[in-house]
C-alpha atoms as a PDB file:
ATOM      1  CA  MET A   1       5.509 -11.219  -0.858  1.00  0.00           C
ATOM      2  CA  LYS A   2       3.054 -12.064  -3.659  1.00  0.00           C
ATOM      3  CA  THR A   3       1.141 -14.486  -1.444  1.00  0.00           C
ATOM      4  CA  ALA A   4       0.689 -11.894   1.320  1.00  0.00           C
ATOM      5  CA  ILE A   5      -0.550  -9.348  -1.225  1.00  0.00           C
ATOM      6  CA  ALA A   6      -2.941 -11.842  -2.839  1.00  0.00           C
ATOM      7  CA  GLU A   7      -4.404 -12.794   0.539  1.00  0.00           C
ATOM      8  CA  ASN A   8      -4.771  -9.139   1.522  1.00  0.00           C
ATOM      9  CA  ASN A   9      -6.474  -8.218  -1.754  1.00  0.00           C
ATOM     10  CA  ALA A  10      -8.878 -11.156  -1.478  1.00  0.00           C
ATOM     11  CA  ASP A  11     -10.133  -9.606   1.790  1.00  0.00           C
ATOM     12  CA  PHE A  12     -10.421  -6.081   0.342  1.00  0.00           C
ATOM     13  CA  LYS A  13     -13.923  -4.657   0.492  1.00  0.00           C
ATOM     14  CA  LYS A  14     -15.014  -1.454  -1.227  1.00  0.00           C
ATOM     15  CA  SER A  15     -16.264   0.901   1.458  1.00  0.00           C
ATOM     16  CA  SER A  16     -15.930   4.374  -0.034  1.00  0.00           C
ATOM     17  CA  ASN A  17     -16.101   6.377  -3.247  1.00  0.00           C
ATOM     18  CA  ALA A  18     -12.907   8.225  -2.321  1.00  0.00           C
ATOM     19  CA  VAL A  19      -9.433   6.792  -2.774  1.00  0.00           C
ATOM     20  CA  ILE A  20      -5.895   7.760  -1.919  1.00  0.00           C
ATOM     21  CA  ALA A  21      -3.301   6.276  -4.254  1.00  0.00           C
ATOM     22  CA  LEU A  22       0.257   5.889  -2.996  1.00  0.00           C
ATOM     23  CA  HIS A  23       3.344   4.481  -4.664  1.00  0.00           C
ATOM     24  CA  PHE A  24       5.825   3.152  -2.112  1.00  0.00           C
ATOM     25  CA  TYR A  25       9.046   3.373  -4.093  1.00  0.00           C
ATOM     26  CA  TYR A  26      10.959   4.691  -1.091  1.00  0.00           C
ATOM     27  CA  TYR A  27       9.839   1.948   1.241  1.00  0.00           C
ATOM     28  CA  ASP A  28      12.309   3.155   3.873  1.00  0.00           C
ATOM     29  CA  LEU A  29       9.774   5.958   4.462  1.00  0.00           C
ATOM     30  CA  ALA A  30       6.948   3.477   5.083  1.00  0.00           C
ATOM     31  CA  ASP A  31       6.724   4.097   8.844  1.00  0.00           C
ATOM     32  CA  GLU A  32       6.469   7.850   8.428  1.00  0.00           C
ATOM     33  CA  THR A  33       4.010   7.629   5.536  1.00  0.00           C
ATOM     34  CA  LEU A  34       1.764   5.074   7.220  1.00  0.00           C
ATOM     35  CA  ALA A  35       1.695   7.124  10.426  1.00  0.00           C
ATOM     36  CA  TYR A  36       0.570  10.156   8.439  1.00  0.00           C
ATOM     37  CA  PHE A  37      -2.412   8.328   6.958  1.00  0.00           C
ATOM     38  CA  GLN A  38      -3.285   6.302  10.070  1.00  0.00           C
ATOM     39  CA  HIS A  39      -6.148   8.597  11.092  1.00  0.00           C
ATOM     40  CA  VAL A  40      -7.701   9.167   7.674  1.00  0.00           C
ATOM     41  CA  GLU A  41     -11.228   7.796   7.645  1.00  0.00           C
ATOM     42  CA  LYS A  42     -13.821   7.044   4.985  1.00  0.00           C
ATOM     43  CA  VAL A  43     -11.198   6.659   2.271  1.00  0.00           C
ATOM     44  CA  GLU A  44      -9.844   3.589   0.543  1.00  0.00           C
ATOM     45  CA  PHE A  45      -6.173   3.104  -0.170  1.00  0.00           C
ATOM     46  CA  LEU A  46      -4.614   1.846  -3.384  1.00  0.00           C
ATOM     47  CA  MET A  47      -0.937   1.253  -2.787  1.00  0.00           C
ATOM     48  CA  THR A  48       1.554   0.244  -5.422  1.00  0.00           C
ATOM     49  CA  LEU A  49       4.962  -1.183  -4.630  1.00  0.00           C
ATOM     50  CA  PRO A  50       8.023  -1.936  -6.731  1.00  0.00           C
ATOM     51  CA  ALA A  51       8.970  -5.600  -7.112  1.00  0.00           C
ATOM     52  CA  HIS A  52      12.080  -5.109  -4.957  1.00  0.00           C
ATOM     53  CA  SER A  53      10.037  -4.199  -1.854  1.00  0.00           C
ATOM     54  CA  PRO A  54      10.897  -6.392   1.119  1.00  0.00           C
ATOM     55  CA  LYS A  55       8.173  -8.608   2.566  1.00  0.00           C
ATOM     56  CA  SER A  56       8.582  -6.836   5.910  1.00  0.00           C
ATOM     57  CA  VAL A  57       7.324  -3.603   4.306  1.00  0.00           C
ATOM     58  CA  VAL A  58       4.358  -5.402   2.732  1.00  0.00           C
ATOM     59  CA  ASP A  59       3.474  -6.906   6.115  1.00  0.00           C
ATOM     60  CA  LYS A  60       3.809  -3.499   7.766  1.00  0.00           C
ATOM     61  CA  ILE A  61       1.441  -1.906   5.224  1.00  0.00           C
ATOM     62  CA  ILE A  62      -1.126  -4.688   5.603  1.00  0.00           C
ATOM     63  CA  THR A  63      -1.036  -4.417   9.391  1.00  0.00           C
ATOM     64  CA  ALA A  64      -1.174  -0.627   9.510  1.00  0.00           C
ATOM     65  CA  MET A  65      -3.746   0.065   6.806  1.00  0.00           C
ATOM     66  CA  GLY A  66      -6.168  -2.811   7.103  1.00  0.00           C
ATOM     67  CA  ASN A  67      -8.496  -2.420   4.123  1.00  0.00           C
ATOM     68  CA  ALA A  68      -6.001  -1.381   1.437  1.00  0.00           C
ATOM     69  CA  TYR A  69      -5.547  -2.772  -2.066  1.00  0.00           C
ATOM     70  CA  LEU A  70      -1.900  -3.513  -2.892  1.00  0.00           C
ATOM     71  CA  ARG A  71      -0.296  -4.072  -6.254  1.00  0.00           C
ATOM     72  CA  VAL A  72       3.253  -4.727  -7.403  1.00  0.00           C
ATOM     73  CA  VAL A  73       4.091  -2.612 -10.440  1.00  0.00           C
ATOM     74  CA  PRO A  74       7.238  -1.923 -12.450  1.00  0.00           C
ATOM     75  CA  ASN A  75       8.840   1.373 -11.556  1.00  0.00           C
ATOM     76  CA  LYS A  76       8.427   3.314 -14.761  1.00  0.00           C
ATOM     77  CA  GLY A  77       8.777   7.033 -14.875  1.00  0.00           C
ATOM     78  CA  GLY A  78      11.327   9.717 -14.670  1.00  0.00           C
ATOM     79  CA  ASP A  79      12.908  11.689 -11.942  1.00  0.00           C
ATOM     80  CA  ILE A  80      11.724  15.221 -11.619  1.00  0.00           C
END
């Protein structure tokens, strides 16, 4: 997973001053979430993922979003 993210981030190119930040903790909702943002233009994506995310989800994000910056982060925070 880390290799795929590193390769993706190496190809990332800044193309906008606007960003949408997403944290994919519930990666089982990846298909629905990615479909929602598929037609958003002129915005960059910063997507964080927990370390337990499967590589298949990382690959799906890279394929669907193209120019997105991905980062693995610890899941810190509280439930609301």
